C-alpha atoms as a PDB file:
ATOM      1  CA  MET A   1     -16.611  -9.873 -14.286  1.00  0.00           C
ATOM      2  CA  ALA A   2     -15.172 -12.618 -12.134  1.00  0.00           C
ATOM      3  CA  TYR A   3     -11.545 -12.641 -11.012  1.00  0.00           C
ATOM      4  CA  ASN A   4      -9.878 -15.731  -9.561  1.00  0.00           C
ATOM      5  CA  GLY A   5      -6.368 -16.382  -8.288  1.00  0.00           C
ATOM      6  CA  GLY A   6      -6.387 -13.896  -5.412  1.00  0.00           C
ATOM      7  CA  PRO A   7      -5.359 -10.248  -5.621  1.00  0.00           C
ATOM      8  CA  ALA A   8      -1.968 -10.391  -3.895  1.00  0.00           C
ATOM      9  CA  ILE A   9       1.533 -11.068  -5.190  1.00  0.00           C
ATOM     10  CA  ASN A  10       3.599 -11.795  -2.086  1.00  0.00           C
ATOM     11  CA  VAL A  11       7.389 -11.767  -2.433  1.00  0.00           C
ATOM     12  CA  PRO A  12       9.076 -11.730   0.970  1.00  0.00           C
ATOM     13  CA  ASN A  13      12.772 -10.828   1.129  1.00  0.00           C
ATOM     14  CA  MET A  14      12.862  -9.554  -2.456  1.00  0.00           C
ATOM     15  CA  VAL A  15      16.262  -8.338  -3.627  1.00  0.00           C
ATOM     16  CA  PRO A  16      17.320  -6.628  -6.875  1.00  0.00           C
ATOM     17  CA  SER A  17      17.921  -9.060  -9.728  1.00  0.00           C
ATOM     18  CA  ASN A  18      17.931  -9.102 -13.523  1.00  0.00           C
ATOM     19  CA  SER A  19      15.920 -12.339 -13.457  1.00  0.00           C
ATOM     20  CA  PRO A  20      12.139 -12.566 -12.910  1.00  0.00           C
ATOM     21  CA  PHE A  21      11.361 -13.253  -9.252  1.00  0.00           C
ATOM     22  CA  ALA A  22       7.606 -13.898  -9.268  1.00  0.00           C
ATOM     23  CA  THR A  23       4.839 -14.981 -11.586  1.00  0.00           C
ATOM     24  CA  LYS A  24       1.137 -14.407 -10.914  1.00  0.00           C
ATOM     25  CA  THR A  25      -1.375 -16.339 -13.005  1.00  0.00           C
ATOM     26  CA  PHE A  26      -5.027 -15.349 -12.785  1.00  0.00           C
ATOM     27  CA  THR A  27      -8.182 -15.525 -14.867  1.00  0.00           C
ATOM     28  CA  VAL A  28     -10.681 -12.759 -15.590  1.00  0.00           C
ATOM     29  CA  THR A  29     -14.013 -14.115 -16.793  1.00  0.00           C
ATOM     30  CA  GLY A  30     -16.902 -12.088 -18.144  1.00  0.00           C
ATOM     31  CA  ASN A  31     -20.277 -13.131 -19.492  1.00  0.00           C
ATOM     32  CA  ASN A  32     -21.364 -10.755 -22.245  1.00  0.00           C
ATOM     33  CA  VAL A  33     -24.938 -11.402 -23.389  1.00  0.00           C
ATOM     34  CA  THR A  34     -24.990  -8.390 -25.731  1.00  0.00           C
ATOM     35  CA  THR A  35     -23.557  -7.812 -29.192  1.00  0.00           C
ATOM     36  CA  SER A  36     -21.291  -5.057 -27.829  1.00  0.00           C
ATOM     37  CA  THR A  37     -17.614  -5.565 -27.076  1.00  0.00           C
ATOM     38  CA  MET A  38     -16.942  -5.957 -23.348  1.00  0.00           C
ATOM     39  CA  ARG A  39     -13.823  -4.037 -22.395  1.00  0.00           C
ATOM     40  CA  TYR A  40     -11.988  -4.133 -19.086  1.00  0.00           C
ATOM     41  CA  ASN A  41      -8.848  -2.693 -17.506  1.00  0.00           C
ATOM     42  CA  LEU A  42      -6.275  -4.310 -15.242  1.00  0.00           C
ATOM     43  CA  SER A  43      -3.896  -2.392 -13.036  1.00  0.00           C
ATOM     44  CA  LEU A  44      -1.093  -3.114 -10.602  1.00  0.00           C
ATOM     45  CA  LYS A  45      -1.262  -1.329  -7.254  1.00  0.00           C
ATOM     46  CA  ILE A  46       2.086  -1.153  -5.467  1.00  0.00           C
ATOM     47  CA  ASN A  47       1.535  -0.492  -1.753  1.00  0.00           C
ATOM     48  CA  SER A  48       5.189  -0.009  -0.882  1.00  0.00           C
ATOM     49  CA  ASN A  49       8.248   0.422  -3.087  1.00  0.00           C
ATOM     50  CA  THR A  50      11.709   1.137  -1.713  1.00  0.00           C
ATOM     51  CA  PHE A  51      13.471   0.530  -5.029  1.00  0.00           C
ATOM     52  CA  SER A  52      14.809   3.440  -7.060  1.00  0.00           C
ATOM     53  CA  TYR A  53      12.755   4.968  -9.876  1.00  0.00           C
ATOM     54  CA  HIS A  54      12.164   2.480 -12.750  1.00  0.00           C
ATOM     55  CA  ALA A  55      13.952  -0.325 -10.866  1.00  0.00           C
ATOM     56  CA  LEU A  56      10.756  -2.388 -10.516  1.00  0.00           C
ATOM     57  CA  GLN A  57       9.300  -3.593 -13.815  1.00  0.00           C
ATOM     58  CA  PHE A  58       6.278  -5.723 -14.629  1.00  0.00           C
ATOM     59  CA  LYS A  59       4.648  -7.215 -17.698  1.00  0.00           C
ATOM     60  CA  LEU A  60       1.051  -8.317 -18.315  1.00  0.00           C
ATOM     61  CA  ILE A  61       0.523 -11.096 -20.857  1.00  0.00           C
ATOM     62  CA  SER A  62      -2.978 -11.751 -22.165  1.00  0.00           C
ATOM     63  CA  THR A  63      -4.475 -14.889 -23.660  1.00  0.00           C
ATOM     64  CA  ASN A  64      -7.864 -14.286 -25.262  1.00  0.00           C
ATOM     65  CA  THR A  65      -9.858 -17.519 -25.153  1.00  0.00           C
ATOM     66  CA  GLY A  66     -13.041 -16.132 -26.675  1.00  0.00           C
END
């Protein structure tokens, strides 16, 4: 699996808002030379969160090109 776009989402001076504040576009590329389905998982690691519980939300959108 190859991952491009860099791992970090940097948002300095973030403040609470009902509008999206950041977008991160990246590509995960795999080369499967077998007949088996190649599965993978993505996760978001939050190093520091000073917002209240459930105040920070995120959404992953997938586009399957294969």
